[in-house]
Amino acid sequence: MKSTTDIADTRTDADAFERDALRAVAHGDRAAFERLYLRHHAPLARFIARHTARRDLIDEVINDTFWIVWRKAGEFRGDSKVGTWIIGIAYRCMLKSLRSHAPVPEAADIDTDDALPGGAESSESETRELADWVRRGLALLPPEQRTTMELAYYLGQSCEEIAAIMNCATGTVKARMFHARLRLRNTLPALGGDAAQAIDTRKQPS
């Protein structure tokens, strides 16, 4: 098991790699752009898929996001991690796209390895059941609370990074997380059945 220091070092190395890649993109390096695209495409697709079932919109948001990354790479000031900057662009592109298209009843069914936080081993059917249970619980949250929880639990963003992405104060992020957790604690058991008992055996993020 990796120590906290090892994980922090890995994240530092990853951000340094992405900063170098973004500087290269700013000078028109298409290979560096492709590396960033491949690195972020899957997590962004999973994040957007939790808000729309339309795969054309998922592709549209990702394409719009990376078009902005290509054009604005030279304007990155280093105030955040490169990944946080890209997620912030994707978040704004997603909001714009969803406002201009009719809403859909449920999110897309995209297979993921991070369907649930915690990473405990389980059967595929159990994982899907738990993922569906959590997804239904998140869908009941107000949009700001839902997005905050998804950014924190599924994309691993800190409160400060979420504040930068959503353009709000860190205290606002913490308040949204508090109220979201409280609401989920009250609503998930009613949705759960066997899933409610199973998830108790998983490691819960603090």
N, C-alpha and C. Protein backbone atom coordinates (compact mmCIF):
# COMPACT_ATOMS: atom_id res chain seq x y z
N MET A 1 0.84 -1.20 0.00
CA MET A 1 0.00 0.00 0.00
C MET A 1 0.88 1.25 0.00
N LYS A 2 0.53 2.21 -0.86
CA LYS A 2 1.31 3.43 -0.93
C LYS A 2 1.04 4.32 0.28
N SER A 3 2.10 4.96 0.76
CA SER A 3 1.94 5.90 1.87
C SER A 3 1.38 7.21 1.36
N THR A 4 0.94 8.06 2.30
CA THR A 4 0.42 9.37 1.93
C THR A 4 1.48 10.19 1.21
N THR A 5 2.73 10.05 1.65
CA THR A 5 3.84 10.78 1.01
C THR A 5 4.03 10.31 -0.43
N ASP A 6 3.97 8.99 -0.65
CA ASP A 6 4.13 8.45 -2.00
C ASP A 6 3.04 8.95 -2.93
N ILE A 7 1.80 8.98 -2.42
CA ILE A 7 0.67 9.45 -3.22
C ILE A 7 0.85 10.93 -3.56
N ALA A 8 1.28 11.72 -2.57
CA ALA A 8 1.49 13.15 -2.81
C ALA A 8 2.59 13.36 -3.84
N ASP A 9 3.67 12.55 -3.76
CA ASP A 9 4.76 12.68 -4.72
C ASP A 9 4.28 12.32 -6.13
N THR A 10 3.45 11.29 -6.23
CA THR A 10 2.92 10.88 -7.53
C THR A 10 2.07 11.98 -8.15
N ARG A 11 1.23 12.61 -7.31
CA ARG A 11 0.39 13.69 -7.81
C ARG A 11 1.23 14.89 -8.23
N THR A 12 2.30 15.17 -7.48
CA THR A 12 3.19 16.27 -7.83
C THR A 12 3.86 16.00 -9.17
N ASP A 13 4.35 14.76 -9.35
CA ASP A 13 4.98 14.38 -10.61
C ASP A 13 4.00 14.49 -11.77
N ALA A 14 2.76 14.07 -11.53
CA ALA A 14 1.74 14.12 -12.58
C ALA A 14 1.44 15.56 -12.98
N ASP A 15 1.35 16.45 -12.00
CA ASP A 15 1.07 17.84 -12.32
C ASP A 15 2.25 18.48 -13.05
N ALA A 16 3.47 18.12 -12.66
CA ALA A 16 4.65 18.65 -13.35
C ALA A 16 4.65 18.19 -14.81
N PHE A 17 4.30 16.93 -15.03
CA PHE A 17 4.21 16.39 -16.39
C PHE A 17 3.18 17.17 -17.20
N GLU A 18 2.04 17.44 -16.59
CA GLU A 18 0.97 18.12 -17.32
C GLU A 18 1.30 19.59 -17.57
N ARG A 19 2.02 20.22 -16.64
CA ARG A 19 2.45 21.61 -16.86
C ARG A 19 3.43 21.68 -18.04
N ASP A 20 4.34 20.72 -18.09
CA ASP A 20 5.28 20.68 -19.22
C ASP A 20 4.52 20.46 -20.53
N ALA A 21 3.55 19.56 -20.50
CA ALA A 21 2.77 19.27 -21.70
C ALA A 21 1.97 20.50 -22.14
N LEU A 22 1.39 21.21 -21.18
CA LEU A 22 0.58 22.38 -21.52
C LEU A 22 1.45 23.50 -22.10
N ARG A 23 2.67 23.66 -21.55
CA ARG A 23 3.58 24.65 -22.12
C ARG A 23 3.92 24.30 -23.57
N ALA A 24 4.09 23.01 -23.83
CA ALA A 24 4.37 22.58 -25.19
C ALA A 24 3.16 22.84 -26.10
N VAL A 25 1.97 22.58 -25.58
CA VAL A 25 0.75 22.84 -26.35
C VAL A 25 0.66 24.32 -26.71
N ALA A 26 1.04 25.19 -25.78
CA ALA A 26 1.00 26.62 -26.04
C ALA A 26 1.89 27.02 -27.21
N HIS A 27 2.88 26.18 -27.53
CA HIS A 27 3.78 26.43 -28.65
C HIS A 27 3.40 25.58 -29.87
N GLY A 28 2.18 25.03 -29.84
CA GLY A 28 1.67 24.31 -31.00
C GLY A 28 2.07 22.86 -31.10
N ASP A 29 2.51 22.26 -30.01
CA ASP A 29 2.95 20.86 -30.02
C ASP A 29 1.72 19.94 -30.00
N ARG A 30 1.42 19.35 -31.12
CA ARG A 30 0.23 18.50 -31.22
C ARG A 30 0.38 17.17 -30.46
N ALA A 31 1.60 16.67 -30.39
CA ALA A 31 1.83 15.42 -29.66
C ALA A 31 1.56 15.63 -28.17
N ALA A 32 1.99 16.75 -27.63
CA ALA A 32 1.72 17.07 -26.23
C ALA A 32 0.22 17.24 -26.00
N PHE A 33 -0.45 17.87 -26.96
CA PHE A 33 -1.90 18.03 -26.86
C PHE A 33 -2.60 16.67 -26.83
N GLU A 34 -2.13 15.76 -27.68
CA GLU A 34 -2.72 14.42 -27.72
C GLU A 34 -2.53 13.70 -26.39
N ARG A 35 -1.37 13.89 -25.76
CA ARG A 35 -1.11 13.25 -24.47
C ARG A 35 -2.09 13.77 -23.41
N LEU A 36 -2.32 15.08 -23.39
CA LEU A 36 -3.28 15.64 -22.44
C LEU A 36 -4.69 15.15 -22.74
N TYR A 37 -5.02 15.09 -24.01
CA TYR A 37 -6.36 14.64 -24.41
C TYR A 37 -6.60 13.21 -23.93
N LEU A 38 -5.66 12.32 -24.21
CA LEU A 38 -5.83 10.93 -23.82
C LEU A 38 -5.83 10.76 -22.31
N ARG A 39 -5.10 11.59 -21.62
CA ARG A 39 -5.01 11.50 -20.16
C ARG A 39 -6.32 11.89 -19.49
N HIS A 40 -7.04 12.85 -20.08
CA HIS A 40 -8.23 13.40 -19.42
C HIS A 40 -9.54 12.98 -20.06
N HIS A 41 -9.49 12.39 -21.24
CA HIS A 41 -10.74 12.08 -21.94
C HIS A 41 -11.66 11.17 -21.13
N ALA A 42 -11.13 10.06 -20.63
CA ALA A 42 -11.98 9.08 -19.94
C ALA A 42 -12.61 9.64 -18.67
N PRO A 43 -11.84 10.25 -17.74
CA PRO A 43 -12.50 10.78 -16.55
C PRO A 43 -13.49 11.89 -16.85
N LEU A 44 -13.21 12.73 -17.85
CA LEU A 44 -14.17 13.77 -18.21
C LEU A 44 -15.44 13.16 -18.79
N ALA A 45 -15.29 12.13 -19.62
CA ALA A 45 -16.46 11.47 -20.20
C ALA A 45 -17.34 10.86 -19.11
N ARG A 46 -16.71 10.26 -18.10
CA ARG A 46 -17.48 9.67 -17.01
C ARG A 46 -18.21 10.76 -16.20
N PHE A 47 -17.51 11.86 -15.97
CA PHE A 47 -18.11 12.96 -15.22
C PHE A 47 -19.31 13.54 -15.96
N ILE A 48 -19.16 13.81 -17.25
CA ILE A 48 -20.24 14.40 -18.03
C ILE A 48 -21.39 13.43 -18.19
N ALA A 49 -21.06 12.12 -18.30
CA ALA A 49 -22.09 11.10 -18.49
C ALA A 49 -23.03 11.00 -17.30
N ARG A 50 -22.60 11.49 -16.14
CA ARG A 50 -23.48 11.48 -14.98
C ARG A 50 -24.52 12.59 -15.05
N HIS A 51 -24.42 13.44 -16.07
CA HIS A 51 -25.36 14.55 -16.21
C HIS A 51 -26.19 14.48 -17.48
N THR A 52 -25.82 13.63 -18.41
CA THR A 52 -26.60 13.49 -19.64
C THR A 52 -26.41 12.09 -20.22
N ALA A 53 -27.49 11.55 -20.80
CA ALA A 53 -27.42 10.24 -21.44
C ALA A 53 -27.07 10.35 -22.92
N ARG A 54 -26.97 11.58 -23.42
CA ARG A 54 -26.71 11.78 -24.84
C ARG A 54 -25.20 11.75 -25.10
N ARG A 55 -24.79 10.71 -25.80
CA ARG A 55 -23.37 10.58 -26.08
C ARG A 55 -22.86 11.67 -27.03
N ASP A 56 -23.77 12.19 -27.87
CA ASP A 56 -23.35 13.28 -28.74
C ASP A 56 -23.00 14.52 -27.93
N LEU A 57 -23.74 14.75 -26.83
CA LEU A 57 -23.43 15.89 -25.97
C LEU A 57 -22.13 15.66 -25.20
N ILE A 58 -21.91 14.43 -24.77
CA ILE A 58 -20.65 14.12 -24.08
C ILE A 58 -19.48 14.43 -25.00
N ASP A 59 -19.57 13.96 -26.24
CA ASP A 59 -18.50 14.23 -27.20
C ASP A 59 -18.38 15.72 -27.49
N GLU A 60 -19.51 16.39 -27.58
CA GLU A 60 -19.51 17.83 -27.86
C GLU A 60 -18.80 18.60 -26.76
N VAL A 61 -19.13 18.27 -25.50
CA VAL A 61 -18.51 18.97 -24.37
C VAL A 61 -17.00 18.72 -24.34
N ILE A 62 -16.61 17.48 -24.55
CA ILE A 62 -15.18 17.16 -24.53
C ILE A 62 -14.45 17.88 -25.66
N ASN A 63 -15.05 17.88 -26.86
CA ASN A 63 -14.41 18.56 -27.98
C ASN A 63 -14.31 20.07 -27.73
N ASP A 64 -15.38 20.66 -27.20
CA ASP A 64 -15.34 22.09 -26.88
C ASP A 64 -14.28 22.39 -25.83
N THR A 65 -14.19 21.49 -24.85
CA THR A 65 -13.20 21.67 -23.77
C THR A 65 -11.79 21.69 -24.33
N PHE A 66 -11.46 20.72 -25.16
CA PHE A 66 -10.09 20.63 -25.63
C PHE A 66 -9.78 21.64 -26.74
N TRP A 67 -10.80 22.12 -27.40
CA TRP A 67 -10.58 23.23 -28.33
C TRP A 67 -10.16 24.47 -27.56
N ILE A 68 -10.78 24.69 -26.40
CA ILE A 68 -10.39 25.82 -25.55
C ILE A 68 -9.00 25.59 -24.98
N VAL A 69 -8.71 24.36 -24.55
CA VAL A 69 -7.37 24.05 -24.04
C VAL A 69 -6.32 24.36 -25.10
N TRP A 70 -6.59 23.96 -26.34
CA TRP A 70 -5.63 24.21 -27.42
C TRP A 70 -5.42 25.71 -27.63
N ARG A 71 -6.52 26.48 -27.61
CA ARG A 71 -6.41 27.92 -27.88
C ARG A 71 -5.89 28.72 -26.70
N LYS A 72 -6.19 28.25 -25.48
CA LYS A 72 -5.90 29.05 -24.29
C LYS A 72 -4.71 28.53 -23.48
N ALA A 73 -4.01 27.54 -23.98
CA ALA A 73 -2.91 26.93 -23.21
C ALA A 73 -1.90 27.98 -22.75
N GLY A 74 -1.64 28.95 -23.60
CA GLY A 74 -0.67 29.98 -23.24
C GLY A 74 -1.14 30.93 -22.17
N GLU A 75 -2.45 30.90 -21.85
CA GLU A 75 -3.01 31.80 -20.84
C GLU A 75 -3.06 31.16 -19.45
N PHE A 76 -2.67 29.89 -19.36
CA PHE A 76 -2.67 29.21 -18.06
C PHE A 76 -1.62 29.86 -17.16
N ARG A 77 -2.03 30.32 -15.98
CA ARG A 77 -1.15 31.07 -15.10
C ARG A 77 -0.54 30.23 -13.98
N GLY A 78 -0.96 28.99 -13.88
CA GLY A 78 -0.39 28.13 -12.86
C GLY A 78 -0.98 28.31 -11.49
N ASP A 79 -2.16 28.94 -11.40
CA ASP A 79 -2.80 29.14 -10.10
C ASP A 79 -3.41 27.85 -9.55
N SER A 80 -3.56 26.85 -10.39
CA SER A 80 -4.13 25.57 -9.98
C SER A 80 -3.39 24.47 -10.72
N LYS A 81 -3.75 23.23 -10.45
CA LYS A 81 -3.22 22.12 -11.23
C LYS A 81 -3.79 22.19 -12.64
N VAL A 82 -3.06 21.67 -13.59
CA VAL A 82 -3.54 21.66 -14.97
C VAL A 82 -4.84 20.88 -15.07
N GLY A 83 -4.91 19.75 -14.36
CA GLY A 83 -6.13 18.95 -14.38
C GLY A 83 -7.33 19.71 -13.86
N THR A 84 -7.13 20.49 -12.80
CA THR A 84 -8.21 21.30 -12.26
C THR A 84 -8.66 22.35 -13.26
N TRP A 85 -7.70 22.96 -13.94
CA TRP A 85 -8.00 23.96 -14.97
C TRP A 85 -8.84 23.34 -16.09
N ILE A 86 -8.46 22.15 -16.53
CA ILE A 86 -9.19 21.48 -17.61
C ILE A 86 -10.59 21.08 -17.16
N ILE A 87 -10.72 20.56 -15.93
CA ILE A 87 -12.04 20.19 -15.42
C ILE A 87 -12.93 21.43 -15.32
N GLY A 88 -12.35 22.55 -14.91
CA GLY A 88 -13.13 23.79 -14.83
C GLY A 88 -13.67 24.20 -16.18
N ILE A 89 -12.85 24.07 -17.23
CA ILE A 89 -13.31 24.37 -18.58
C ILE A 89 -14.43 23.42 -18.98
N ALA A 90 -14.24 22.13 -18.70
CA ALA A 90 -15.26 21.13 -19.04
C ALA A 90 -16.56 21.40 -18.30
N TYR A 91 -16.46 21.78 -17.04
CA TYR A 91 -17.66 22.07 -16.25
C TYR A 91 -18.46 23.21 -16.87
N ARG A 92 -17.78 24.28 -17.27
CA ARG A 92 -18.48 25.42 -17.88
C ARG A 92 -19.05 25.06 -19.24
N CYS A 93 -18.30 24.27 -20.01
CA CYS A 93 -18.82 23.82 -21.31
C CYS A 93 -20.04 22.92 -21.13
N MET A 94 -20.00 22.08 -20.11
CA MET A 94 -21.13 21.19 -19.85
C MET A 94 -22.38 21.98 -19.47
N LEU A 95 -22.24 22.97 -18.59
CA LEU A 95 -23.39 23.78 -18.20
C LEU A 95 -23.99 24.49 -19.41
N LYS A 96 -23.13 25.03 -20.27
CA LYS A 96 -23.60 25.72 -21.46
C LYS A 96 -24.34 24.77 -22.39
N SER A 97 -23.78 23.57 -22.57
CA SER A 97 -24.40 22.59 -23.45
C SER A 97 -25.74 22.11 -22.91
N LEU A 98 -25.80 21.84 -21.61
CA LEU A 98 -27.04 21.34 -21.01
C LEU A 98 -28.14 22.41 -21.03
N ARG A 99 -27.75 23.67 -20.92
CA ARG A 99 -28.75 24.75 -20.98
C ARG A 99 -29.35 24.88 -22.38
N SER A 100 -28.57 24.53 -23.39
CA SER A 100 -29.03 24.72 -24.77
C SER A 100 -29.70 23.49 -25.36
N HIS A 101 -29.77 22.40 -24.59
CA HIS A 101 -30.42 21.18 -25.07
C HIS A 101 -31.45 20.72 -24.05
N ALA A 102 -32.47 20.02 -24.55
CA ALA A 102 -33.50 19.50 -23.66
C ALA A 102 -32.89 18.49 -22.70
N PRO A 103 -33.29 18.51 -21.42
CA PRO A 103 -32.74 17.56 -20.46
C PRO A 103 -33.19 16.13 -20.76
N VAL A 104 -32.39 15.17 -20.31
CA VAL A 104 -32.71 13.76 -20.48
C VAL A 104 -32.97 13.15 -19.11
N PRO A 105 -33.77 12.08 -19.04
CA PRO A 105 -34.18 11.58 -17.73
C PRO A 105 -33.10 10.94 -16.90
N GLU A 106 -32.07 10.36 -17.50
CA GLU A 106 -31.06 9.69 -16.70
C GLU A 106 -29.72 9.72 -17.41
N ALA A 107 -28.67 9.44 -16.64
CA ALA A 107 -27.31 9.54 -17.17
C ALA A 107 -26.97 8.35 -18.04
N ALA A 108 -25.94 8.52 -18.84
CA ALA A 108 -25.51 7.45 -19.73
C ALA A 108 -24.90 6.30 -18.95
N ASP A 109 -25.05 5.10 -19.49
CA ASP A 109 -24.48 3.91 -18.86
C ASP A 109 -23.10 3.66 -19.43
N ILE A 110 -22.09 4.32 -18.88
CA ILE A 110 -20.72 4.15 -19.32
C ILE A 110 -19.98 3.30 -18.31
N ASP A 111 -19.39 2.21 -18.78
CA ASP A 111 -18.64 1.34 -17.87
C ASP A 111 -17.43 2.07 -17.32
N THR A 112 -17.22 1.96 -16.01
CA THR A 112 -16.08 2.61 -15.38
C THR A 112 -15.48 1.70 -14.33
N ASP A 113 -14.19 1.93 -14.03
CA ASP A 113 -13.52 1.22 -12.95
C ASP A 113 -13.67 1.96 -11.63
N ASP A 114 -14.15 3.21 -11.70
CA ASP A 114 -14.29 4.01 -10.48
C ASP A 114 -15.75 4.33 -10.23
N ALA A 115 -16.61 3.33 -10.46
CA ALA A 115 -18.03 3.57 -10.29
C ALA A 115 -18.36 4.01 -8.88
N LEU A 116 -17.57 3.56 -7.92
CA LEU A 116 -17.78 3.94 -6.53
C LEU A 116 -16.46 4.30 -5.89
N PRO A 117 -16.46 5.28 -5.00
CA PRO A 117 -15.23 5.57 -4.27
C PRO A 117 -14.90 4.44 -3.31
N GLY A 118 -13.63 4.30 -3.01
CA GLY A 118 -13.23 3.31 -2.02
C GLY A 118 -12.41 2.19 -2.62
N GLY A 119 -12.83 1.69 -3.80
CA GLY A 119 -12.03 0.71 -4.51
C GLY A 119 -12.01 -0.67 -3.90
N ALA A 120 -12.95 -1.02 -3.02
CA ALA A 120 -12.96 -2.36 -2.44
C ALA A 120 -13.33 -3.38 -3.51
N GLU A 121 -12.80 -4.60 -3.38
CA GLU A 121 -13.09 -5.63 -4.35
C GLU A 121 -14.52 -6.12 -4.18
N SER A 122 -15.18 -6.39 -5.30
CA SER A 122 -16.53 -6.92 -5.25
C SER A 122 -16.85 -7.55 -6.59
N SER A 123 -17.95 -8.28 -6.67
CA SER A 123 -18.36 -8.85 -7.92
C SER A 123 -18.87 -7.74 -8.83
N GLU A 124 -18.87 -8.03 -10.13
CA GLU A 124 -19.33 -7.02 -11.10
C GLU A 124 -20.77 -6.65 -10.86
N SER A 125 -21.63 -7.62 -10.55
CA SER A 125 -23.04 -7.33 -10.33
C SER A 125 -23.24 -6.47 -9.09
N GLU A 126 -22.46 -6.74 -8.04
CA GLU A 126 -22.57 -5.95 -6.83
C GLU A 126 -22.10 -4.52 -7.07
N THR A 127 -21.01 -4.39 -7.82
CA THR A 127 -20.49 -3.06 -8.12
C THR A 127 -21.52 -2.25 -8.90
N ARG A 128 -22.14 -2.88 -9.89
CA ARG A 128 -23.15 -2.18 -10.67
C ARG A 128 -24.36 -1.80 -9.82
N GLU A 129 -24.75 -2.70 -8.92
CA GLU A 129 -25.88 -2.41 -8.05
C GLU A 129 -25.59 -1.23 -7.14
N LEU A 130 -24.38 -1.22 -6.56
CA LEU A 130 -24.00 -0.12 -5.68
C LEU A 130 -23.88 1.18 -6.45
N ALA A 131 -23.31 1.10 -7.66
CA ALA A 131 -23.15 2.30 -8.48
C ALA A 131 -24.51 2.89 -8.82
N ASP A 132 -25.45 2.04 -9.18
CA ASP A 132 -26.79 2.52 -9.52
C ASP A 132 -27.46 3.14 -8.30
N TRP A 133 -27.25 2.53 -7.14
CA TRP A 133 -27.83 3.04 -5.90
C TRP A 133 -27.31 4.44 -5.59
N VAL A 134 -25.99 4.60 -5.67
CA VAL A 134 -25.40 5.91 -5.40
C VAL A 134 -25.83 6.92 -6.45
N ARG A 135 -25.89 6.50 -7.72
CA ARG A 135 -26.29 7.40 -8.78
C ARG A 135 -27.70 7.94 -8.54
N ARG A 136 -28.61 7.06 -8.11
CA ARG A 136 -29.97 7.51 -7.84
C ARG A 136 -30.02 8.47 -6.66
N GLY A 137 -29.16 8.22 -5.67
CA GLY A 137 -29.11 9.13 -4.54
C GLY A 137 -28.57 10.50 -4.93
N LEU A 138 -27.51 10.51 -5.74
CA LEU A 138 -26.94 11.78 -6.20
C LEU A 138 -27.93 12.56 -7.05
N ALA A 139 -28.74 11.84 -7.83
CA ALA A 139 -29.70 12.50 -8.72
C ALA A 139 -30.74 13.29 -7.94
N LEU A 140 -30.94 12.97 -6.68
CA LEU A 140 -31.92 13.66 -5.85
C LEU A 140 -31.37 14.95 -5.24
N LEU A 141 -30.05 15.15 -5.34
CA LEU A 141 -29.45 16.34 -4.76
C LEU A 141 -29.66 17.55 -5.66
N PRO A 142 -29.67 18.76 -5.08
CA PRO A 142 -29.64 19.97 -5.90
C PRO A 142 -28.40 19.95 -6.79
N PRO A 143 -28.46 20.56 -7.97
CA PRO A 143 -27.35 20.47 -8.93
C PRO A 143 -25.98 20.85 -8.36
N GLU A 144 -25.92 21.94 -7.58
CA GLU A 144 -24.62 22.37 -7.05
C GLU A 144 -24.05 21.35 -6.08
N GLN A 145 -24.90 20.77 -5.23
CA GLN A 145 -24.44 19.76 -4.27
C GLN A 145 -24.00 18.50 -5.00
N ARG A 146 -24.77 18.10 -5.99
CA ARG A 146 -24.45 16.89 -6.74
C ARG A 146 -23.09 17.03 -7.44
N THR A 147 -22.89 18.14 -8.12
CA THR A 147 -21.64 18.34 -8.83
C THR A 147 -20.47 18.41 -7.87
N THR A 148 -20.66 19.06 -6.74
CA THR A 148 -19.61 19.14 -5.73
C THR A 148 -19.19 17.75 -5.27
N MET A 149 -20.15 16.88 -4.99
CA MET A 149 -19.84 15.53 -4.54
C MET A 149 -19.15 14.72 -5.63
N GLU A 150 -19.58 14.89 -6.87
CA GLU A 150 -18.98 14.15 -7.97
C GLU A 150 -17.53 14.59 -8.20
N LEU A 151 -17.29 15.90 -8.11
CA LEU A 151 -15.93 16.40 -8.27
C LEU A 151 -15.02 15.88 -7.16
N ALA A 152 -15.56 15.80 -5.96
CA ALA A 152 -14.76 15.37 -4.81
C ALA A 152 -14.54 13.86 -4.81
N TYR A 153 -15.59 13.09 -5.00
CA TYR A 153 -15.51 11.65 -4.82
C TYR A 153 -15.04 10.91 -6.07
N TYR A 154 -15.42 11.41 -7.25
CA TYR A 154 -15.10 10.68 -8.47
C TYR A 154 -13.89 11.24 -9.21
N LEU A 155 -13.66 12.54 -9.10
CA LEU A 155 -12.51 13.14 -9.77
C LEU A 155 -11.40 13.52 -8.80
N GLY A 156 -11.63 13.29 -7.50
CA GLY A 156 -10.57 13.46 -6.52
C GLY A 156 -10.12 14.89 -6.29
N GLN A 157 -11.01 15.85 -6.52
CA GLN A 157 -10.65 17.25 -6.35
C GLN A 157 -10.81 17.68 -4.88
N SER A 158 -9.90 18.53 -4.43
CA SER A 158 -9.98 19.06 -3.06
C SER A 158 -11.03 20.17 -3.00
N CYS A 159 -11.36 20.61 -1.79
CA CYS A 159 -12.33 21.70 -1.64
C CYS A 159 -11.84 22.96 -2.36
N GLU A 160 -10.54 23.25 -2.25
CA GLU A 160 -9.98 24.43 -2.90
C GLU A 160 -10.07 24.29 -4.42
N GLU A 161 -9.81 23.10 -4.94
CA GLU A 161 -9.88 22.88 -6.38
C GLU A 161 -11.32 22.96 -6.88
N ILE A 162 -12.25 22.42 -6.11
CA ILE A 162 -13.66 22.51 -6.49
C ILE A 162 -14.12 23.96 -6.50
N ALA A 163 -13.65 24.73 -5.54
CA ALA A 163 -14.00 26.16 -5.49
C ALA A 163 -13.53 26.86 -6.76
N ALA A 164 -12.33 26.51 -7.23
CA ALA A 164 -11.81 27.11 -8.46
C ALA A 164 -12.63 26.68 -9.67
N ILE A 165 -13.00 25.40 -9.72
CA ILE A 165 -13.77 24.88 -10.84
C ILE A 165 -15.15 25.51 -10.91
N MET A 166 -15.82 25.62 -9.75
CA MET A 166 -17.19 26.11 -9.71
C MET A 166 -17.28 27.61 -9.44
N ASN A 167 -16.13 28.26 -9.34
CA ASN A 167 -16.07 29.71 -9.16
C ASN A 167 -16.88 30.16 -7.94
N CYS A 168 -16.54 29.57 -6.80
CA CYS A 168 -17.20 29.93 -5.56
C CYS A 168 -16.19 29.87 -4.42
N ALA A 169 -16.60 30.27 -3.23
CA ALA A 169 -15.70 30.26 -2.08
C ALA A 169 -15.51 28.83 -1.57
N THR A 170 -14.35 28.58 -0.96
CA THR A 170 -14.09 27.26 -0.38
C THR A 170 -15.13 26.93 0.68
N GLY A 171 -15.53 27.92 1.47
CA GLY A 171 -16.55 27.70 2.48
C GLY A 171 -17.87 27.25 1.88
N THR A 172 -18.18 27.76 0.71
CA THR A 172 -19.41 27.34 0.02
C THR A 172 -19.33 25.87 -0.37
N VAL A 173 -18.16 25.46 -0.84
CA VAL A 173 -17.96 24.05 -1.21
C VAL A 173 -18.16 23.16 0.01
N LYS A 174 -17.56 23.54 1.13
CA LYS A 174 -17.67 22.73 2.35
C LYS A 174 -19.11 22.66 2.82
N ALA A 175 -19.83 23.77 2.71
CA ALA A 175 -21.24 23.78 3.12
C ALA A 175 -22.07 22.87 2.21
N ARG A 176 -21.80 22.92 0.91
CA ARG A 176 -22.53 22.05 -0.02
C ARG A 176 -22.25 20.59 0.27
N MET A 177 -21.00 20.25 0.60
CA MET A 177 -20.67 18.87 0.91
C MET A 177 -21.36 18.42 2.20
N PHE A 178 -21.39 19.30 3.18
CA PHE A 178 -22.04 18.95 4.44
C PHE A 178 -23.53 18.65 4.21
N HIS A 179 -24.21 19.54 3.51
CA HIS A 179 -25.64 19.35 3.28
C HIS A 179 -25.91 18.18 2.35
N ALA A 180 -25.02 17.95 1.38
CA ALA A 180 -25.19 16.80 0.49
C ALA A 180 -25.05 15.49 1.26
N ARG A 181 -24.04 15.39 2.12
CA ARG A 181 -23.85 14.18 2.91
C ARG A 181 -25.03 13.94 3.83
N LEU A 182 -25.54 15.02 4.41
CA LEU A 182 -26.69 14.88 5.30
C LEU A 182 -27.90 14.38 4.54
N ARG A 183 -28.11 14.94 3.36
CA ARG A 183 -29.26 14.53 2.56
C ARG A 183 -29.11 13.10 2.08
N LEU A 184 -27.90 12.70 1.66
CA LEU A 184 -27.68 11.34 1.22
C LEU A 184 -27.87 10.35 2.36
N ARG A 185 -27.42 10.74 3.55
CA ARG A 185 -27.58 9.87 4.71
C ARG A 185 -29.06 9.60 4.99
N ASN A 186 -29.90 10.58 4.68
CA ASN A 186 -31.34 10.43 4.95
C ASN A 186 -32.08 9.73 3.82
N THR A 187 -31.55 9.82 2.57
CA THR A 187 -32.29 9.29 1.43
C THR A 187 -31.80 7.94 0.94
N LEU A 188 -30.50 7.67 1.04
CA LEU A 188 -29.97 6.44 0.49
C LEU A 188 -30.55 5.17 1.11
N PRO A 189 -30.73 5.11 2.43
CA PRO A 189 -31.30 3.87 2.99
C PRO A 189 -32.64 3.51 2.39
N ALA A 190 -33.46 4.51 2.07
CA ALA A 190 -34.78 4.24 1.50
C ALA A 190 -34.68 3.70 0.07
N LEU A 191 -33.55 3.98 -0.61
CA LEU A 191 -33.35 3.51 -1.98
C LEU A 191 -32.65 2.18 -2.05
N GLY A 192 -32.07 1.75 -0.91
CA GLY A 192 -31.04 0.74 -0.96
C GLY A 192 -31.41 -0.71 -0.94
N GLY A 193 -32.07 -1.20 0.08
CA GLY A 193 -32.25 -2.64 0.22
C GLY A 193 -30.92 -3.29 0.55
N ASP A 194 -30.58 -4.35 -0.18
CA ASP A 194 -29.32 -5.05 0.04
C ASP A 194 -28.13 -4.16 -0.22
N ALA A 195 -28.25 -3.22 -1.17
CA ALA A 195 -27.14 -2.34 -1.50
C ALA A 195 -26.78 -1.46 -0.33
N ALA A 196 -27.77 -1.05 0.43
CA ALA A 196 -27.52 -0.18 1.58
C ALA A 196 -26.65 -0.89 2.61
N GLN A 197 -26.87 -2.20 2.77
CA GLN A 197 -26.06 -2.95 3.72
C GLN A 197 -24.66 -3.22 3.16
N ALA A 198 -24.58 -3.49 1.85
CA ALA A 198 -23.29 -3.82 1.25
C ALA A 198 -22.32 -2.65 1.28
N ILE A 199 -22.82 -1.45 1.04
CA ILE A 199 -21.92 -0.31 0.94
C ILE A 199 -21.29 0.01 2.30
N ASP A 200 -21.90 -0.41 3.37
CA ASP A 200 -21.33 -0.17 4.69
C ASP A 200 -20.00 -0.88 4.86
N THR A 201 -19.76 -1.91 4.05
CA THR A 201 -18.50 -2.65 4.18
C THR A 201 -17.38 -1.98 3.39
N ARG A 202 -17.69 -0.95 2.63
CA ARG A 202 -16.68 -0.27 1.82
C ARG A 202 -16.07 0.87 2.61
N LYS A 203 -14.85 1.22 2.23
CA LYS A 203 -14.16 2.36 2.86
C LYS A 203 -14.80 3.65 2.38
N GLN A 204 -15.24 4.49 3.29
CA GLN A 204 -15.90 5.72 2.96
C GLN A 204 -14.93 6.89 3.02
N PRO A 205 -14.93 7.79 2.00
CA PRO A 205 -14.05 8.95 2.03
C PRO A 205 -14.42 9.87 3.18
N SER A 206 -13.42 10.52 3.78
CA SER A 206 -13.68 11.44 4.88
C SER A 206 -14.07 12.79 4.34
